[in-house]
Amino acid sequence: MNSAPDSQNWYAIHVRTRWERSAATIVAGKGYEVFLPTYVSKRRWRDRSKEVKSALFPGYFFCRFDIHKRLPILVTPGVIGVVGQGRIPVPVDESEVASIQNILSSGAVVEPWPYIEVGQKVRIDDHALRGLEGILVGRRGNQRVVVSVSLLRRSVALEIERSLISAVKPVEEPVMDAPADALLRGSTA
């Protein structure tokens, strides 16, 4: 990730409840690159049911911009602020945004999912999403891969056949042993 002062990273914009679409539209109209991931959900009322597009990350959308030029975004109706630690905005990992974009462009059925910190990490081996990594979970007999946006502590799940995924081997930390003669020198000093 490029962290030069003039670089344009992805940031998560926190907005008022159900203002995701209108705030993202206004910010895009100001010339910023905006990404509002959505999914189709079924809503039921007593007399009817309807398919509705909803925000995949309720209360948030993503925007790429120079952090030093964020005032036009902050004064947008519905915008609460840029997600960060305290008052310091923190960029969203570029690979996490790319993963969400790849999932949505693949046409896979997605839905919001609770954030998961622990679990088996998997990689999709076959399919339009080859190489995508996430966490494998089971739900009602179906296998799902969960991809997380760490900064928002939110996740997205996509249903996938078990035969299309394989486990990702954890990277082992190298053990740094000091040479034996350095240890001996240290003990005699």
C-alpha atoms as a PDB file:
ATOM      1  CA  MET A   1       0.000   0.000   0.000  1.00  0.00           C
ATOM      2  CA  ASN A   2       1.376   3.385  -0.955  1.00  0.00           C
ATOM      3  CA  SER A   3       1.405   5.675   2.067  1.00  0.00           C
ATOM      4  CA  ALA A   4       2.916   8.790   0.484  1.00  0.00           C
ATOM      5  CA  PRO A   5       1.077  11.988   1.497  1.00  0.00           C
ATOM      6  CA  ASP A   6      -0.405  12.483  -1.988  1.00  0.00           C
ATOM      7  CA  SER A   7      -1.455   8.847  -2.490  1.00  0.00           C
ATOM      8  CA  GLN A   8      -5.079   7.912  -2.845  1.00  0.00           C
ATOM      9  CA  ASN A   9      -6.024   4.934  -0.699  1.00  0.00           C
ATOM     10  CA  TRP A  10      -9.400   3.355  -0.048  1.00  0.00           C
ATOM     11  CA  TYR A  11     -11.067   4.558   3.146  1.00  0.00           C
ATOM     12  CA  ALA A  12     -14.272   3.402   4.807  1.00  0.00           C
ATOM     13  CA  ILE A  13     -16.797   6.207   5.197  1.00  0.00           C
ATOM     14  CA  HIS A  14     -19.179   5.851   8.146  1.00  0.00           C
ATOM     15  CA  VAL A  15     -22.672   7.140   7.393  1.00  0.00           C
ATOM     16  CA  ARG A  16     -26.017   7.431   9.157  1.00  0.00           C
ATOM     17  CA  THR A  17     -28.304   4.399   9.102  1.00  0.00           C
ATOM     18  CA  ARG A  18     -29.797   3.807   5.632  1.00  0.00           C
ATOM     19  CA  TRP A  19     -27.864   6.763   4.108  1.00  0.00           C
ATOM     20  CA  GLU A  20     -25.292   4.609   2.317  1.00  0.00           C
ATOM     21  CA  ARG A  21     -26.710   5.012  -1.197  1.00  0.00           C
ATOM     22  CA  SER A  22     -27.540   8.733  -1.052  1.00  0.00           C
ATOM     23  CA  ALA A  23     -24.260   9.741   0.624  1.00  0.00           C
ATOM     24  CA  ALA A  24     -22.221   7.608  -1.805  1.00  0.00           C
ATOM     25  CA  THR A  25     -24.074   9.168  -4.760  1.00  0.00           C
ATOM     26  CA  ILE A  26     -23.376  12.705  -3.507  1.00  0.00           C
ATOM     27  CA  VAL A  27     -19.689  11.937  -2.858  1.00  0.00           C
ATOM     28  CA  ALA A  28     -19.356  10.359  -6.332  1.00  0.00           C
ATOM     29  CA  GLY A  29     -20.955  13.503  -7.774  1.00  0.00           C
ATOM     30  CA  LYS A  30     -18.119  15.495  -6.186  1.00  0.00           C
ATOM     31  CA  GLY A  31     -15.655  13.530  -8.338  1.00  0.00           C
ATOM     32  CA  TYR A  32     -14.479  10.882  -5.897  1.00  0.00           C
ATOM     33  CA  GLU A  33     -14.179   7.177  -6.698  1.00  0.00           C
ATOM     34  CA  VAL A  34     -16.847   5.432  -4.626  1.00  0.00           C
ATOM     35  CA  PHE A  35     -17.530   1.741  -4.020  1.00  0.00           C
ATOM     36  CA  LEU A  36     -20.846   0.807  -2.379  1.00  0.00           C
ATOM     37  CA  PRO A  37     -21.097  -2.999  -2.289  1.00  0.00           C
ATOM     38  CA  THR A  38     -24.706  -4.225  -2.279  1.00  0.00           C
ATOM     39  CA  TYR A  39     -26.570  -7.520  -2.171  1.00  0.00           C
ATOM     40  CA  VAL A  40     -30.127  -8.567  -2.934  1.00  0.00           C
ATOM     41  CA  SER A  41     -32.270  -9.539   0.034  1.00  0.00           C
ATOM     42  CA  LYS A  42     -35.890 -10.586   0.269  1.00  0.00           C
ATOM     43  CA  ARG A  43     -38.120  -8.416   2.443  1.00  0.00           C
ATOM     44  CA  ARG A  44     -41.486  -9.659   3.602  1.00  0.00           C
ATOM     45  CA  TRP A  45     -44.481  -7.640   4.565  1.00  0.00           C
ATOM     46  CA  ARG A  46     -47.886  -8.992   5.502  1.00  0.00           C
ATOM     47  CA  ASP A  47     -49.315  -8.479   2.029  1.00  0.00           C
ATOM     48  CA  ARG A  48     -46.248  -8.966  -0.191  1.00  0.00           C
ATOM     49  CA  SER A  49     -42.566  -9.779  -0.477  1.00  0.00           C
ATOM     50  CA  LYS A  50     -39.987  -7.926  -2.533  1.00  0.00           C
ATOM     51  CA  GLU A  51     -36.332  -8.218  -3.499  1.00  0.00           C
ATOM     52  CA  VAL A  52     -34.420  -5.185  -2.253  1.00  0.00           C
ATOM     53  CA  LYS A  53     -30.821  -4.062  -2.829  1.00  0.00           C
ATOM     54  CA  SER A  54     -29.185  -3.422   0.534  1.00  0.00           C
ATOM     55  CA  ALA A  55     -25.724  -2.270   1.586  1.00  0.00           C
ATOM     56  CA  LEU A  56     -23.402  -5.216   2.138  1.00  0.00           C
ATOM     57  CA  PHE A  57     -21.758  -3.233   4.958  1.00  0.00           C
ATOM     58  CA  PRO A  58     -24.645  -1.325   6.586  1.00  0.00           C
ATOM     59  CA  GLY A  59     -23.547   2.149   7.646  1.00  0.00           C
ATOM     60  CA  TYR A  60     -20.471   2.231   5.398  1.00  0.00           C
ATOM     61  CA  PHE A  61     -19.225   2.724   1.868  1.00  0.00           C
ATOM     62  CA  PHE A  62     -15.696   2.911   0.489  1.00  0.00           C
ATOM     63  CA  CYS A  63     -14.080   5.928  -1.132  1.00  0.00           C
ATOM     64  CA  ARG A  64     -10.651   6.431  -2.700  1.00  0.00           C
ATOM     65  CA  PHE A  65      -9.154   9.836  -1.969  1.00  0.00           C
ATOM     66  CA  ASP A  66      -6.172  11.821  -0.693  1.00  0.00           C
ATOM     67  CA  ILE A  67      -6.669  11.928   3.071  1.00  0.00           C
ATOM     68  CA  HIS A  68      -5.483  15.553   3.172  1.00  0.00           C
ATOM     69  CA  LYS A  69      -8.413  16.560   0.944  1.00  0.00           C
ATOM     70  CA  ARG A  70     -11.262  14.918   2.870  1.00  0.00           C
ATOM     71  CA  LEU A  71     -13.309  17.992   3.855  1.00  0.00           C
ATOM     72  CA  PRO A  72     -15.729  17.770   0.876  1.00  0.00           C
ATOM     73  CA  ILE A  73     -16.525  14.200   1.946  1.00  0.00           C
ATOM     74  CA  LEU A  74     -16.969  15.067   5.620  1.00  0.00           C
ATOM     75  CA  VAL A  75     -19.488  17.843   4.889  1.00  0.00           C
ATOM     76  CA  THR A  76     -21.679  15.519   2.786  1.00  0.00           C
ATOM     77  CA  PRO A  77     -25.166  14.990   4.272  1.00  0.00           C
ATOM     78  CA  GLY A  78     -25.346  11.675   6.125  1.00  0.00           C
ATOM     79  CA  VAL A  79     -21.572  11.254   6.509  1.00  0.00           C
ATOM     80  CA  ILE A  80     -20.432  10.740  10.105  1.00  0.00           C
ATOM     81  CA  GLY A  81     -16.714  10.445   9.392  1.00  0.00           C
ATOM     82  CA  VAL A  82     -13.801   8.472   8.009  1.00  0.00           C
ATOM     83  CA  VAL A  83     -13.159   5.216   9.875  1.00  0.00           C
ATOM     84  CA  GLY A  84      -9.901   5.142  11.762  1.00  0.00           C
ATOM     85  CA  GLN A  85      -8.280   4.925  15.151  1.00  0.00           C
ATOM     86  CA  GLY A  86      -9.441   7.862  17.212  1.00  0.00           C
ATOM     87  CA  ARG A  87      -9.285  10.909  14.953  1.00  0.00           C
ATOM     88  CA  ILE A  88      -6.659   9.375  12.646  1.00  0.00           C
ATOM     89  CA  PRO A  89      -8.172   7.878   9.444  1.00  0.00           C
ATOM     90  CA  VAL A  90      -6.849   4.419   8.578  1.00  0.00           C
ATOM     91  CA  PRO A  91      -6.901   3.176   4.965  1.00  0.00           C
ATOM     92  CA  VAL A  92      -8.646  -0.086   4.146  1.00  0.00           C
ATOM     93  CA  ASP A  93      -6.305  -2.786   2.888  1.00  0.00           C
ATOM     94  CA  GLU A  94      -6.330  -2.603  -0.937  1.00  0.00           C
ATOM     95  CA  SER A  95      -6.496  -6.398  -1.227  1.00  0.00           C
ATOM     96  CA  GLU A  96      -9.644  -6.544   0.938  1.00  0.00           C
ATOM     97  CA  VAL A  97     -11.455  -4.030  -1.282  1.00  0.00           C
ATOM     98  CA  ALA A  98     -10.267  -5.918  -4.385  1.00  0.00           C
ATOM     99  CA  SER A  99     -11.574  -9.189  -2.909  1.00  0.00           C
ATOM    100  CA  ILE A 100     -15.024  -7.682  -2.305  1.00  0.00           C
ATOM    101  CA  GLN A 101     -15.049  -6.225  -5.843  1.00  0.00           C
ATOM    102  CA  ASN A 102     -14.072  -9.631  -7.313  1.00  0.00           C
ATOM    103  CA  ILE A 103     -16.795 -11.411  -5.369  1.00  0.00           C
ATOM    104  CA  LEU A 104     -19.471  -8.988  -6.560  1.00  0.00           C
ATOM    105  CA  SER A 105     -18.325  -9.034 -10.187  1.00  0.00           C
ATOM    106  CA  SER A 106     -18.360 -12.860 -10.203  1.00  0.00           C
ATOM    107  CA  GLY A 107     -22.126 -12.953  -9.750  1.00  0.00           C
ATOM    108  CA  ALA A 108     -21.839 -15.178  -6.649  1.00  0.00           C
ATOM    109  CA  VAL A 109     -24.648 -14.981  -4.109  1.00  0.00           C
ATOM    110  CA  VAL A 110     -23.389 -12.914  -1.159  1.00  0.00           C
ATOM    111  CA  GLU A 111     -24.770 -11.727   2.151  1.00  0.00           C
ATOM    112  CA  PRO A 112     -23.465  -9.846   5.188  1.00  0.00           C
ATOM    113  CA  TRP A 113     -21.737 -12.100   7.688  1.00  0.00           C
ATOM    114  CA  PRO A 114     -20.569 -11.610  11.266  1.00  0.00           C
ATOM    115  CA  TYR A 115     -16.865 -10.788  11.504  1.00  0.00           C
ATOM    116  CA  ILE A 116     -14.749 -13.863  12.221  1.00  0.00           C
ATOM    117  CA  GLU A 117     -11.270 -13.612  13.673  1.00  0.00           C
ATOM    118  CA  VAL A 118     -10.452 -17.270  14.061  1.00  0.00           C
ATOM    119  CA  GLY A 119     -11.115 -20.245  11.806  1.00  0.00           C
ATOM    120  CA  GLN A 120      -9.699 -22.162   8.908  1.00  0.00           C
ATOM    121  CA  LYS A 121      -8.342 -19.956   6.153  1.00  0.00           C
ATOM    122  CA  VAL A 122      -9.065 -21.301   2.667  1.00  0.00           C
ATOM    123  CA  ARG A 123      -8.298 -20.453  -0.951  1.00  0.00           C
ATOM    124  CA  ILE A 124     -10.634 -20.979  -3.893  1.00  0.00           C
ATOM    125  CA  ASP A 125      -8.894 -23.221  -6.444  1.00  0.00           C
ATOM    126  CA  ASP A 126     -11.372 -23.238  -9.296  1.00  0.00           C
ATOM    127  CA  HIS A 127     -14.076 -20.813 -10.411  1.00  0.00           C
ATOM    128  CA  ALA A 128     -14.062 -17.162 -11.427  1.00  0.00           C
ATOM    129  CA  LEU A 129     -12.722 -16.412  -7.936  1.00  0.00           C
ATOM    130  CA  ARG A 130      -9.540 -18.543  -8.216  1.00  0.00           C
ATOM    131  CA  GLY A 131      -6.949 -17.439  -5.664  1.00  0.00           C
ATOM    132  CA  LEU A 132      -9.419 -15.638  -3.381  1.00  0.00           C
ATOM    133  CA  GLU A 133      -8.668 -16.342   0.270  1.00  0.00           C
ATOM    134  CA  GLY A 134     -11.085 -16.324   3.167  1.00  0.00           C
ATOM    135  CA  ILE A 135     -12.298 -18.332   6.150  1.00  0.00           C
ATOM    136  CA  LEU A 136     -14.320 -21.497   5.679  1.00  0.00           C
ATOM    137  CA  VAL A 137     -17.498 -21.820   7.719  1.00  0.00           C
ATOM    138  CA  GLY A 138     -20.510 -24.110   7.517  1.00  0.00           C
ATOM    139  CA  ARG A 139     -24.128 -23.051   7.718  1.00  0.00           C
ATOM    140  CA  ARG A 140     -27.118 -25.346   7.410  1.00  0.00           C
ATOM    141  CA  GLY A 141     -25.077 -27.958   5.547  1.00  0.00           C
ATOM    142  CA  ASN A 142     -23.651 -25.455   3.043  1.00  0.00           C
ATOM    143  CA  GLN A 143     -20.025 -24.369   2.809  1.00  0.00           C
ATOM    144  CA  ARG A 144     -19.259 -20.661   2.721  1.00  0.00           C
ATOM    145  CA  VAL A 145     -16.090 -18.660   2.366  1.00  0.00           C
ATOM    146  CA  VAL A 146     -16.004 -15.543   4.518  1.00  0.00           C
ATOM    147  CA  VAL A 147     -13.907 -12.552   3.379  1.00  0.00           C
ATOM    148  CA  SER A 148     -13.338  -9.859   5.991  1.00  0.00           C
ATOM    149  CA  VAL A 149     -12.572  -6.142   6.026  1.00  0.00           C
ATOM    150  CA  SER A 150     -10.475  -5.918   9.181  1.00  0.00           C
ATOM    151  CA  LEU A 151     -10.806  -2.183   9.697  1.00  0.00           C
ATOM    152  CA  LEU A 152     -14.624  -2.327   9.726  1.00  0.00           C
ATOM    153  CA  ARG A 153     -14.681  -5.649  11.605  1.00  0.00           C
ATOM    154  CA  ARG A 154     -17.283  -6.809   9.085  1.00  0.00           C
ATOM    155  CA  SER A 155     -17.356  -9.745   6.712  1.00  0.00           C
ATOM    156  CA  VAL A 156     -19.057 -11.050   3.579  1.00  0.00           C
ATOM    157  CA  ALA A 157     -19.955 -14.689   2.942  1.00  0.00           C
ATOM    158  CA  LEU A 158     -20.280 -16.460  -0.389  1.00  0.00           C
ATOM    159  CA  GLU A 159     -21.617 -19.952  -0.875  1.00  0.00           C
ATOM    160  CA  ILE A 160     -19.223 -22.335  -2.616  1.00  0.00           C
ATOM    161  CA  GLU A 161     -18.815 -26.044  -3.235  1.00  0.00           C
ATOM    162  CA  ARG A 162     -16.361 -27.703  -0.886  1.00  0.00           C
ATOM    163  CA  SER A 163     -14.531 -29.296  -3.828  1.00  0.00           C
ATOM    164  CA  LEU A 164     -13.483 -25.859  -5.105  1.00  0.00           C
ATOM    165  CA  ILE A 165     -11.465 -24.849  -2.041  1.00  0.00           C
ATOM    166  CA  SER A 166      -8.246 -25.923  -0.352  1.00  0.00           C
ATOM    167  CA  ALA A 167      -6.669 -25.051   2.979  1.00  0.00           C
ATOM    168  CA  VAL A 168      -4.083 -22.277   3.097  1.00  0.00           C
ATOM    169  CA  LYS A 169      -1.014 -23.374   5.000  1.00  0.00           C
ATOM    170  CA  PRO A 170      -0.052 -20.897   7.727  1.00  0.00           C
ATOM    171  CA  VAL A 171       3.249 -19.106   7.216  1.00  0.00           C
ATOM    172  CA  GLU A 172       5.692 -20.194   9.880  1.00  0.00           C
ATOM    173  CA  GLU A 173       7.788 -17.542  11.542  1.00  0.00           C
ATOM    174  CA  PRO A 174      11.517 -18.227  11.122  1.00  0.00           C
ATOM    175  CA  VAL A 175      13.299 -19.028  14.364  1.00  0.00           C
ATOM    176  CA  MET A 176      16.245 -16.724  14.795  1.00  0.00           C
ATOM    177  CA  ASP A 177      18.918 -18.675  16.643  1.00  0.00           C
ATOM    178  CA  ALA A 178      22.068 -16.854  17.582  1.00  0.00           C
ATOM    179  CA  PRO A 179      25.277 -18.616  16.544  1.00  0.00           C
ATOM    180  CA  ALA A 180      26.694 -20.753  19.354  1.00  0.00           C
ATOM    181  CA  ASP A 181      29.921 -18.728  19.569  1.00  0.00           C
ATOM    182  CA  ALA A 182      27.936 -15.469  20.026  1.00  0.00           C
ATOM    183  CA  LEU A 183      26.077 -17.050  22.937  1.00  0.00           C
ATOM    184  CA  LEU A 184      29.336 -18.155  24.484  1.00  0.00           C
ATOM    185  CA  ARG A 185      30.867 -14.706  24.056  1.00  0.00           C
ATOM    186  CA  GLY A 186      27.799 -13.147  25.650  1.00  0.00           C
ATOM    187  CA  SER A 187      27.977 -15.437  28.683  1.00  0.00           C
ATOM    188  CA  THR A 188      31.671 -14.742  29.365  1.00  0.00           C
ATOM    189  CA  ALA A 189      31.404 -10.972  29.150  1.00  0.00           C
END
